[in-house]
Amino acid sequence: MTRGFLIGRFQPFHNGHRSMVEEIANDVDELVLGIGSAGDSHTSRNPFTAGERIMMITKTLVDIDLVTYVVPIEDLERNSVWVSHVQSMSPDFEIAYSNNPLVIQLFREAGVEVRQSPMFNRGIFEGTEIRDRMIEGGDWETLVPDPVAKVVDEIDGIERMQMISETDANGG
């Protein structure tokens, strides 16, 4: 049995993330999704809480034939111990998936096999683009799985993001 690990902020979980998970499912029997920056929320860059992101991911992946675990990973300001922190918060895994050069380096230094994550339409399926569309009232729903749109609606996420962006824009 092989278990992989994929870290992301998932702000929000979008169709590119789902496609990535579907592709990784061909390589592993189980997948741990680490919710990066789990302690951050209610900012323009990180508008959703770890719990809200867990709901988005869990509801989205229910129809994929892959055992998944979603775990929150809070930020550390000490890169040298970051991998051991991740490992302490996660079920054991053999393979880490990432395209972030720092994350790749840290896992490799810790002796963890790293594979590049497949990326899908990065120009469109990109958190900043989706968050901008949410704030501006543009079409964002087509870029996320239906369960994510439902969670955003359930938590009044658009109103939150618009309020946050006004606060940020005014220097607050």
N, C-alpha and C. Protein backbone atom coordinates (compact mmCIF):
# COMPACT_ATOMS: atom_id res chain seq x y z
N MET A 1 0.84 -1.18 0.00
CA MET A 1 0.00 0.00 0.00
C MET A 1 0.89 1.25 0.00
N THR A 2 0.55 2.19 -0.85
CA THR A 2 1.32 3.43 -0.95
C THR A 2 0.43 4.61 -0.58
N ARG A 3 0.97 5.48 0.27
CA ARG A 3 0.22 6.68 0.67
C ARG A 3 1.03 7.90 0.26
N GLY A 4 0.35 8.84 -0.39
CA GLY A 4 0.97 10.09 -0.80
C GLY A 4 0.53 11.24 0.07
N PHE A 5 1.23 12.35 -0.09
CA PHE A 5 0.93 13.57 0.66
C PHE A 5 0.95 14.75 -0.30
N LEU A 6 -0.09 15.56 -0.27
CA LEU A 6 -0.18 16.76 -1.10
C LEU A 6 -0.52 17.93 -0.20
N ILE A 7 0.32 18.94 -0.21
CA ILE A 7 0.03 20.12 0.61
C ILE A 7 -0.42 21.26 -0.28
N GLY A 8 -1.35 22.04 0.21
CA GLY A 8 -1.82 23.23 -0.49
C GLY A 8 -2.61 24.09 0.46
N ARG A 9 -2.75 25.34 0.11
CA ARG A 9 -3.61 26.20 0.93
C ARG A 9 -5.07 25.97 0.58
N PHE A 10 -5.33 25.61 -0.68
CA PHE A 10 -6.70 25.29 -1.12
C PHE A 10 -7.66 26.42 -0.78
N GLN A 11 -7.33 27.64 -1.23
CA GLN A 11 -8.10 28.85 -0.91
C GLN A 11 -8.75 29.42 -2.18
N PRO A 12 -9.79 28.83 -2.72
CA PRO A 12 -10.50 27.62 -2.33
C PRO A 12 -9.97 26.40 -3.09
N PHE A 13 -10.49 25.22 -2.74
CA PHE A 13 -10.23 23.99 -3.48
C PHE A 13 -10.93 24.16 -4.83
N HIS A 14 -10.18 24.02 -5.94
CA HIS A 14 -10.76 24.28 -7.26
C HIS A 14 -10.61 23.08 -8.19
N ASN A 15 -11.11 23.23 -9.42
CA ASN A 15 -11.11 22.12 -10.37
C ASN A 15 -9.70 21.65 -10.71
N GLY A 16 -8.71 22.54 -10.68
CA GLY A 16 -7.33 22.13 -10.90
C GLY A 16 -6.85 21.21 -9.79
N HIS A 17 -7.22 21.53 -8.54
CA HIS A 17 -6.87 20.66 -7.42
C HIS A 17 -7.52 19.29 -7.57
N ARG A 18 -8.81 19.30 -7.94
CA ARG A 18 -9.52 18.03 -8.12
C ARG A 18 -8.85 17.18 -9.19
N SER A 19 -8.50 17.80 -10.31
CA SER A 19 -7.82 17.07 -11.39
C SER A 19 -6.48 16.52 -10.91
N MET A 20 -5.78 17.29 -10.11
CA MET A 20 -4.50 16.85 -9.56
C MET A 20 -4.70 15.61 -8.69
N VAL A 21 -5.72 15.64 -7.83
CA VAL A 21 -6.00 14.49 -6.97
C VAL A 21 -6.37 13.27 -7.82
N GLU A 22 -7.18 13.47 -8.85
CA GLU A 22 -7.55 12.35 -9.72
C GLU A 22 -6.32 11.73 -10.38
N GLU A 23 -5.37 12.56 -10.79
CA GLU A 23 -4.14 12.06 -11.42
C GLU A 23 -3.27 11.34 -10.40
N ILE A 24 -3.10 11.90 -9.23
CA ILE A 24 -2.30 11.28 -8.17
C ILE A 24 -2.91 9.94 -7.76
N ALA A 25 -4.24 9.82 -7.85
CA ALA A 25 -4.92 8.58 -7.48
C ALA A 25 -4.44 7.39 -8.31
N ASN A 26 -3.87 7.65 -9.48
CA ASN A 26 -3.32 6.57 -10.31
C ASN A 26 -2.02 6.03 -9.74
N ASP A 27 -1.36 6.79 -8.85
CA ASP A 27 -0.06 6.41 -8.30
C ASP A 27 -0.12 5.83 -6.90
N VAL A 28 -1.14 6.19 -6.12
CA VAL A 28 -1.17 5.83 -4.71
C VAL A 28 -2.49 5.16 -4.34
N ASP A 29 -2.46 4.48 -3.20
CA ASP A 29 -3.68 3.84 -2.69
C ASP A 29 -4.46 4.77 -1.77
N GLU A 30 -3.73 5.67 -1.11
CA GLU A 30 -4.34 6.63 -0.20
C GLU A 30 -3.62 7.97 -0.37
N LEU A 31 -4.32 9.04 -0.03
CA LEU A 31 -3.73 10.37 -0.18
C LEU A 31 -4.08 11.23 1.03
N VAL A 32 -3.04 11.84 1.58
CA VAL A 32 -3.22 12.82 2.65
C VAL A 32 -3.17 14.20 2.00
N LEU A 33 -4.19 15.00 2.25
CA LEU A 33 -4.17 16.39 1.78
C LEU A 33 -3.92 17.27 2.99
N GLY A 34 -2.79 17.94 2.97
CA GLY A 34 -2.43 18.83 4.06
C GLY A 34 -2.95 20.22 3.78
N ILE A 35 -3.74 20.75 4.70
CA ILE A 35 -4.27 22.10 4.58
C ILE A 35 -3.19 23.05 5.09
N GLY A 36 -2.43 23.64 4.17
CA GLY A 36 -1.36 24.56 4.55
C GLY A 36 -1.91 25.87 5.09
N SER A 37 -1.10 26.54 5.88
CA SER A 37 -1.50 27.81 6.50
C SER A 37 -2.83 27.65 7.23
N ALA A 38 -2.96 26.53 7.95
CA ALA A 38 -4.24 26.19 8.58
C ALA A 38 -4.69 27.22 9.62
N GLY A 39 -3.76 27.94 10.19
CA GLY A 39 -4.13 28.93 11.20
C GLY A 39 -4.56 30.26 10.63
N ASP A 40 -4.44 30.42 9.31
CA ASP A 40 -4.77 31.70 8.68
C ASP A 40 -6.19 31.67 8.12
N SER A 41 -6.91 32.75 8.28
CA SER A 41 -8.23 32.90 7.67
C SER A 41 -8.62 34.37 7.71
N HIS A 42 -9.69 34.68 7.01
CA HIS A 42 -10.28 36.01 7.02
C HIS A 42 -9.32 37.09 6.52
N THR A 43 -8.48 36.73 5.55
CA THR A 43 -7.63 37.69 4.85
C THR A 43 -7.85 37.50 3.36
N SER A 44 -7.43 38.47 2.56
CA SER A 44 -7.62 38.36 1.12
C SER A 44 -6.91 37.14 0.55
N ARG A 45 -5.73 36.82 1.07
CA ARG A 45 -4.96 35.67 0.58
C ARG A 45 -5.48 34.36 1.14
N ASN A 46 -5.98 34.37 2.34
CA ASN A 46 -6.47 33.16 3.03
C ASN A 46 -7.84 33.45 3.64
N PRO A 47 -8.88 33.51 2.81
CA PRO A 47 -10.19 33.91 3.34
C PRO A 47 -10.92 32.82 4.12
N PHE A 48 -10.60 31.55 3.87
CA PHE A 48 -11.37 30.47 4.46
C PHE A 48 -10.61 29.80 5.60
N THR A 49 -11.35 29.36 6.61
CA THR A 49 -10.74 28.67 7.74
C THR A 49 -10.31 27.27 7.32
N ALA A 50 -9.49 26.64 8.15
CA ALA A 50 -9.09 25.26 7.88
C ALA A 50 -10.32 24.36 7.85
N GLY A 51 -11.24 24.58 8.77
CA GLY A 51 -12.45 23.76 8.81
C GLY A 51 -13.30 23.90 7.55
N GLU A 52 -13.40 25.12 7.05
CA GLU A 52 -14.16 25.34 5.82
C GLU A 52 -13.49 24.66 4.64
N ARG A 53 -12.17 24.71 4.59
CA ARG A 53 -11.44 24.06 3.50
C ARG A 53 -11.55 22.54 3.61
N ILE A 54 -11.56 22.02 4.84
CA ILE A 54 -11.77 20.59 5.02
C ILE A 54 -13.14 20.18 4.49
N MET A 55 -14.18 20.99 4.77
CA MET A 55 -15.51 20.70 4.24
C MET A 55 -15.50 20.70 2.72
N MET A 56 -14.86 21.70 2.10
CA MET A 56 -14.80 21.79 0.64
C MET A 56 -14.18 20.53 0.05
N ILE A 57 -13.05 20.12 0.61
CA ILE A 57 -12.31 18.98 0.06
C ILE A 57 -13.06 17.68 0.30
N THR A 58 -13.53 17.48 1.52
CA THR A 58 -14.21 16.22 1.86
C THR A 58 -15.46 16.03 1.01
N LYS A 59 -16.25 17.07 0.85
CA LYS A 59 -17.47 16.97 0.04
C LYS A 59 -17.16 16.78 -1.44
N THR A 60 -16.06 17.35 -1.90
CA THR A 60 -15.69 17.23 -3.32
C THR A 60 -15.17 15.84 -3.65
N LEU A 61 -14.39 15.26 -2.76
CA LEU A 61 -13.71 14.00 -3.09
C LEU A 61 -14.52 12.75 -2.76
N VAL A 62 -15.75 12.92 -2.32
CA VAL A 62 -16.58 11.78 -1.91
C VAL A 62 -16.78 10.78 -3.06
N ASP A 63 -16.74 11.24 -4.31
CA ASP A 63 -17.00 10.33 -5.43
C ASP A 63 -15.73 9.81 -6.10
N ILE A 64 -14.57 10.12 -5.55
CA ILE A 64 -13.31 9.61 -6.10
C ILE A 64 -12.94 8.34 -5.34
N ASP A 65 -12.57 7.30 -6.09
CA ASP A 65 -12.24 6.01 -5.49
C ASP A 65 -10.82 6.05 -4.94
N LEU A 66 -10.66 6.76 -3.83
CA LEU A 66 -9.37 6.92 -3.19
C LEU A 66 -9.60 7.27 -1.73
N VAL A 67 -8.95 6.54 -0.84
CA VAL A 67 -9.03 6.89 0.57
C VAL A 67 -8.24 8.18 0.76
N THR A 68 -8.90 9.19 1.33
CA THR A 68 -8.23 10.47 1.55
C THR A 68 -8.36 10.87 3.02
N TYR A 69 -7.32 11.56 3.48
CA TYR A 69 -7.30 12.12 4.82
C TYR A 69 -7.00 13.61 4.64
N VAL A 70 -7.72 14.45 5.32
CA VAL A 70 -7.48 15.89 5.24
C VAL A 70 -7.03 16.34 6.62
N VAL A 71 -5.81 16.90 6.68
CA VAL A 71 -5.25 17.31 7.96
C VAL A 71 -4.79 18.76 7.90
N PRO A 72 -5.07 19.52 8.94
CA PRO A 72 -4.60 20.90 8.99
C PRO A 72 -3.11 20.94 9.35
N ILE A 73 -2.38 21.80 8.65
CA ILE A 73 -0.95 21.99 8.91
C ILE A 73 -0.73 23.48 9.14
N GLU A 74 -0.45 23.85 10.38
CA GLU A 74 -0.18 25.26 10.67
C GLU A 74 1.23 25.62 10.22
N ASP A 75 1.41 26.89 9.89
CA ASP A 75 2.71 27.37 9.45
C ASP A 75 3.72 27.35 10.59
N LEU A 76 4.95 27.07 10.22
CA LEU A 76 6.08 27.21 11.13
C LEU A 76 7.03 28.21 10.49
N GLU A 77 7.69 28.98 11.28
CA GLU A 77 8.66 29.93 10.75
C GLU A 77 10.07 29.35 10.78
N ARG A 78 10.18 28.03 10.90
CA ARG A 78 11.48 27.36 10.94
C ARG A 78 11.48 26.24 9.91
N ASN A 79 11.95 26.54 8.71
CA ASN A 79 11.91 25.58 7.62
C ASN A 79 12.66 24.29 7.93
N SER A 80 13.72 24.37 8.74
CA SER A 80 14.54 23.19 9.02
C SER A 80 13.76 22.08 9.74
N VAL A 81 12.68 22.42 10.42
CA VAL A 81 11.89 21.41 11.12
C VAL A 81 10.48 21.24 10.53
N TRP A 82 10.24 21.88 9.40
CA TRP A 82 8.90 21.85 8.81
C TRP A 82 8.45 20.45 8.45
N VAL A 83 9.30 19.66 7.82
CA VAL A 83 8.89 18.31 7.40
C VAL A 83 8.54 17.46 8.61
N SER A 84 9.34 17.54 9.68
CA SER A 84 9.00 16.74 10.87
C SER A 84 7.68 17.21 11.48
N HIS A 85 7.41 18.51 11.38
CA HIS A 85 6.11 19.04 11.83
C HIS A 85 4.98 18.44 11.00
N VAL A 86 5.14 18.45 9.67
CA VAL A 86 4.13 17.87 8.79
C VAL A 86 3.93 16.39 9.12
N GLN A 87 5.02 15.66 9.28
CA GLN A 87 4.93 14.23 9.57
C GLN A 87 4.25 13.98 10.91
N SER A 88 4.43 14.86 11.87
CA SER A 88 3.79 14.68 13.18
C SER A 88 2.29 14.92 13.12
N MET A 89 1.83 15.67 12.13
CA MET A 89 0.41 16.01 12.00
C MET A 89 -0.34 15.10 11.04
N SER A 90 0.38 14.20 10.36
CA SER A 90 -0.18 13.45 9.25
C SER A 90 -0.02 11.94 9.45
N PRO A 91 -0.92 11.16 8.85
CA PRO A 91 -0.62 9.73 8.75
C PRO A 91 0.70 9.56 7.98
N ASP A 92 1.40 8.47 8.23
CA ASP A 92 2.65 8.21 7.52
C ASP A 92 2.41 8.22 6.01
N PHE A 93 3.39 8.71 5.25
CA PHE A 93 3.30 8.70 3.79
C PHE A 93 4.68 8.45 3.22
N GLU A 94 4.70 7.91 1.99
CA GLU A 94 5.94 7.57 1.34
C GLU A 94 6.35 8.59 0.29
N ILE A 95 5.37 9.26 -0.31
CA ILE A 95 5.63 10.16 -1.44
C ILE A 95 4.97 11.51 -1.16
N ALA A 96 5.72 12.58 -1.38
CA ALA A 96 5.15 13.92 -1.28
C ALA A 96 5.02 14.49 -2.68
N TYR A 97 3.92 15.16 -2.93
CA TYR A 97 3.67 15.80 -4.23
C TYR A 97 3.71 17.31 -4.04
N SER A 98 4.52 17.97 -4.86
CA SER A 98 4.61 19.43 -4.77
C SER A 98 5.30 19.99 -6.01
N ASN A 99 5.02 21.23 -6.31
CA ASN A 99 5.74 21.99 -7.34
C ASN A 99 6.47 23.17 -6.73
N ASN A 100 6.36 23.34 -5.42
CA ASN A 100 7.01 24.46 -4.73
C ASN A 100 8.47 24.09 -4.48
N PRO A 101 9.41 24.88 -5.03
CA PRO A 101 10.83 24.53 -4.89
C PRO A 101 11.29 24.37 -3.44
N LEU A 102 10.83 25.22 -2.54
CA LEU A 102 11.23 25.10 -1.14
C LEU A 102 10.69 23.80 -0.53
N VAL A 103 9.42 23.51 -0.78
CA VAL A 103 8.81 22.29 -0.25
C VAL A 103 9.53 21.06 -0.79
N ILE A 104 9.83 21.06 -2.08
CA ILE A 104 10.56 19.95 -2.69
C ILE A 104 11.91 19.76 -1.98
N GLN A 105 12.63 20.86 -1.81
CA GLN A 105 13.94 20.79 -1.16
C GLN A 105 13.85 20.26 0.26
N LEU A 106 12.88 20.75 1.02
CA LEU A 106 12.74 20.33 2.41
C LEU A 106 12.42 18.84 2.52
N PHE A 107 11.51 18.36 1.68
CA PHE A 107 11.18 16.93 1.71
C PHE A 107 12.37 16.09 1.27
N ARG A 108 13.06 16.51 0.23
CA ARG A 108 14.24 15.75 -0.23
C ARG A 108 15.30 15.68 0.86
N GLU A 109 15.57 16.79 1.52
CA GLU A 109 16.56 16.79 2.60
C GLU A 109 16.16 15.84 3.73
N ALA A 110 14.86 15.63 3.91
CA ALA A 110 14.36 14.73 4.96
C ALA A 110 14.29 13.28 4.47
N GLY A 111 14.69 13.04 3.22
CA GLY A 111 14.70 11.69 2.69
C GLY A 111 13.37 11.18 2.19
N VAL A 112 12.44 12.09 1.91
CA VAL A 112 11.11 11.72 1.40
C VAL A 112 11.13 11.83 -0.13
N GLU A 113 10.62 10.81 -0.81
CA GLU A 113 10.49 10.87 -2.26
C GLU A 113 9.53 11.98 -2.63
N VAL A 114 9.92 12.80 -3.61
CA VAL A 114 9.07 13.90 -4.05
C VAL A 114 8.77 13.73 -5.53
N ARG A 115 7.52 13.91 -5.89
CA ARG A 115 7.10 13.91 -7.29
C ARG A 115 6.42 15.24 -7.58
N GLN A 116 6.64 15.73 -8.77
CA GLN A 116 5.98 16.97 -9.19
C GLN A 116 4.48 16.70 -9.30
N SER A 117 3.69 17.62 -8.84
CA SER A 117 2.24 17.53 -8.97
C SER A 117 1.86 17.91 -10.39
N PRO A 118 0.97 17.15 -11.02
CA PRO A 118 0.47 17.59 -12.31
C PRO A 118 -0.34 18.87 -12.13
N MET A 119 -0.20 19.81 -13.06
CA MET A 119 -0.95 21.07 -12.96
C MET A 119 -1.88 21.17 -14.16
N PHE A 120 -3.06 21.72 -13.95
CA PHE A 120 -4.08 21.78 -14.98
C PHE A 120 -4.54 23.22 -15.19
N ASN A 121 -4.33 23.75 -16.39
CA ASN A 121 -4.79 25.10 -16.74
C ASN A 121 -4.47 26.09 -15.63
N ARG A 122 -3.20 26.15 -15.26
CA ARG A 122 -2.77 26.96 -14.13
C ARG A 122 -3.21 28.43 -14.26
N GLY A 123 -3.27 28.96 -15.47
CA GLY A 123 -3.67 30.35 -15.64
C GLY A 123 -5.10 30.62 -15.21
N ILE A 124 -5.94 29.60 -15.32
CA ILE A 124 -7.36 29.74 -14.96
C ILE A 124 -7.61 29.16 -13.57
N PHE A 125 -7.11 27.94 -13.35
CA PHE A 125 -7.32 27.28 -12.06
C PHE A 125 -6.22 27.71 -11.10
N GLU A 126 -6.38 28.91 -10.60
CA GLU A 126 -5.39 29.52 -9.72
C GLU A 126 -6.14 30.28 -8.65
N GLY A 127 -5.78 30.05 -7.40
CA GLY A 127 -6.53 30.62 -6.29
C GLY A 127 -6.72 32.12 -6.36
N THR A 128 -5.65 32.85 -6.72
CA THR A 128 -5.76 34.31 -6.78
C THR A 128 -6.81 34.74 -7.79
N GLU A 129 -6.81 34.11 -8.95
CA GLU A 129 -7.79 34.43 -10.00
C GLU A 129 -9.21 34.16 -9.50
N ILE A 130 -9.40 33.03 -8.86
CA ILE A 130 -10.73 32.66 -8.38
C ILE A 130 -11.18 33.62 -7.27
N ARG A 131 -10.29 33.94 -6.35
CA ARG A 131 -10.65 34.88 -5.27
C ARG A 131 -10.97 36.26 -5.84
N ASP A 132 -10.19 36.72 -6.82
CA ASP A 132 -10.48 38.01 -7.46
C ASP A 132 -11.86 38.00 -8.10
N ARG A 133 -12.19 36.92 -8.79
CA ARG A 133 -13.52 36.82 -9.41
C ARG A 133 -14.62 36.84 -8.36
N MET A 134 -14.39 36.19 -7.23
CA MET A 134 -15.39 36.19 -6.16
C MET A 134 -15.64 37.60 -5.65
N ILE A 135 -14.57 38.34 -5.44
CA ILE A 135 -14.68 39.70 -4.92
C ILE A 135 -15.37 40.62 -5.92
N GLU A 136 -15.03 40.46 -7.20
CA GLU A 136 -15.54 41.35 -8.25
C GLU A 136 -16.90 40.93 -8.79
N GLY A 137 -17.44 39.83 -8.31
CA GLY A 137 -18.74 39.37 -8.79
C GLY A 137 -18.67 38.68 -10.14
N GLY A 138 -17.49 38.19 -10.50
CA GLY A 138 -17.31 37.50 -11.77
C GLY A 138 -17.69 36.03 -11.67
N ASP A 139 -17.49 35.33 -12.79
CA ASP A 139 -17.81 33.90 -12.86
C ASP A 139 -16.68 33.12 -12.19
N TRP A 140 -16.93 32.61 -11.02
CA TRP A 140 -15.97 31.76 -10.32
C TRP A 140 -16.50 30.35 -10.12
N GLU A 141 -17.83 30.21 -10.13
CA GLU A 141 -18.45 28.91 -9.84
C GLU A 141 -18.03 27.83 -10.83
N THR A 142 -17.76 28.19 -12.09
CA THR A 142 -17.37 27.19 -13.08
C THR A 142 -15.94 26.70 -12.86
N LEU A 143 -15.19 27.36 -12.00
CA LEU A 143 -13.79 27.00 -11.75
C LEU A 143 -13.61 26.12 -10.52
N VAL A 144 -14.70 25.89 -9.80
CA VAL A 144 -14.63 25.06 -8.59
C VAL A 144 -15.67 23.94 -8.69
N PRO A 145 -15.42 22.82 -8.01
CA PRO A 145 -16.44 21.76 -7.97
C PRO A 145 -17.72 22.28 -7.31
N ASP A 146 -18.85 21.73 -7.69
CA ASP A 146 -20.14 22.15 -7.14
C ASP A 146 -20.17 22.15 -5.61
N PRO A 147 -19.62 21.11 -4.94
CA PRO A 147 -19.66 21.14 -3.47
C PRO A 147 -18.91 22.34 -2.87
N VAL A 148 -17.86 22.81 -3.54
CA VAL A 148 -17.13 23.98 -3.04
C VAL A 148 -18.01 25.22 -3.14
N ALA A 149 -18.68 25.39 -4.26
CA ALA A 149 -19.58 26.54 -4.42
C ALA A 149 -20.67 26.51 -3.35
N LYS A 150 -21.16 25.32 -3.03
CA LYS A 150 -22.20 25.20 -2.00
C LYS A 150 -21.66 25.57 -0.62
N VAL A 151 -20.43 25.16 -0.31
CA VAL A 151 -19.83 25.52 0.98
C VAL A 151 -19.63 27.03 1.05
N VAL A 152 -19.11 27.63 -0.03
CA VAL A 152 -18.91 29.08 -0.06
C VAL A 152 -20.24 29.80 0.17
N ASP A 153 -21.30 29.30 -0.45
CA ASP A 153 -22.63 29.90 -0.26
C ASP A 153 -23.10 29.70 1.19
N GLU A 154 -22.91 28.50 1.72
CA GLU A 154 -23.36 28.18 3.08
C GLU A 154 -22.71 29.09 4.12
N ILE A 155 -21.45 29.46 3.92
CA ILE A 155 -20.73 30.27 4.91
C ILE A 155 -20.74 31.76 4.57
N ASP A 156 -21.53 32.15 3.55
CA ASP A 156 -21.55 33.53 3.07
C ASP A 156 -20.13 34.01 2.73
N GLY A 157 -19.41 33.13 2.03
CA GLY A 157 -18.02 33.39 1.71
C GLY A 157 -17.79 34.59 0.79
N ILE A 158 -18.71 34.83 -0.13
CA ILE A 158 -18.54 35.97 -1.05
C ILE A 158 -18.65 37.27 -0.26
N GLU A 159 -19.65 37.37 0.60
CA GLU A 159 -19.79 38.57 1.42
C GLU A 159 -18.54 38.77 2.29
N ARG A 160 -18.04 37.70 2.89
CA ARG A 160 -16.84 37.79 3.71
C ARG A 160 -15.66 38.32 2.88
N MET A 161 -15.47 37.76 1.70
CA MET A 161 -14.34 38.17 0.88
C MET A 161 -14.46 39.63 0.44
N GLN A 162 -15.67 40.05 0.11
CA GLN A 162 -15.87 41.44 -0.30
C GLN A 162 -15.61 42.38 0.88
N MET A 163 -16.04 42.03 2.07
CA MET A 163 -15.78 42.85 3.25
C MET A 163 -14.29 42.89 3.56
N ILE A 164 -13.64 41.76 3.49
CA ILE A 164 -12.20 41.69 3.75
C ILE A 164 -11.44 42.55 2.75
N SER A 165 -11.83 42.46 1.47
CA SER A 165 -11.10 43.22 0.44
C SER A 165 -11.28 44.72 0.64
N GLU A 166 -12.45 45.14 1.13
CA GLU A 166 -12.65 46.56 1.42
C GLU A 166 -11.76 47.00 2.58
N THR A 167 -11.66 46.17 3.61
CA THR A 167 -10.80 46.47 4.75
C THR A 167 -9.36 46.56 4.30
N ASP A 168 -8.91 45.57 3.50
CA ASP A 168 -7.53 45.55 3.00
C ASP A 168 -7.24 46.76 2.13
N ALA A 169 -8.21 47.13 1.28
CA ALA A 169 -8.01 48.25 0.35
C ALA A 169 -7.90 49.58 1.09
N ASN A 170 -8.55 49.67 2.24
CA ASN A 170 -8.52 50.92 3.01
C ASN A 170 -7.39 50.95 4.02
N GLY A 171 -6.49 49.97 3.93
CA GLY A 171 -5.35 49.95 4.84
C GLY A 171 -5.67 49.45 6.23
N GLY A 172 -6.85 48.83 6.39
CA GLY A 172 -7.26 48.35 7.71
C GLY A 172 -6.74 47.00 8.03
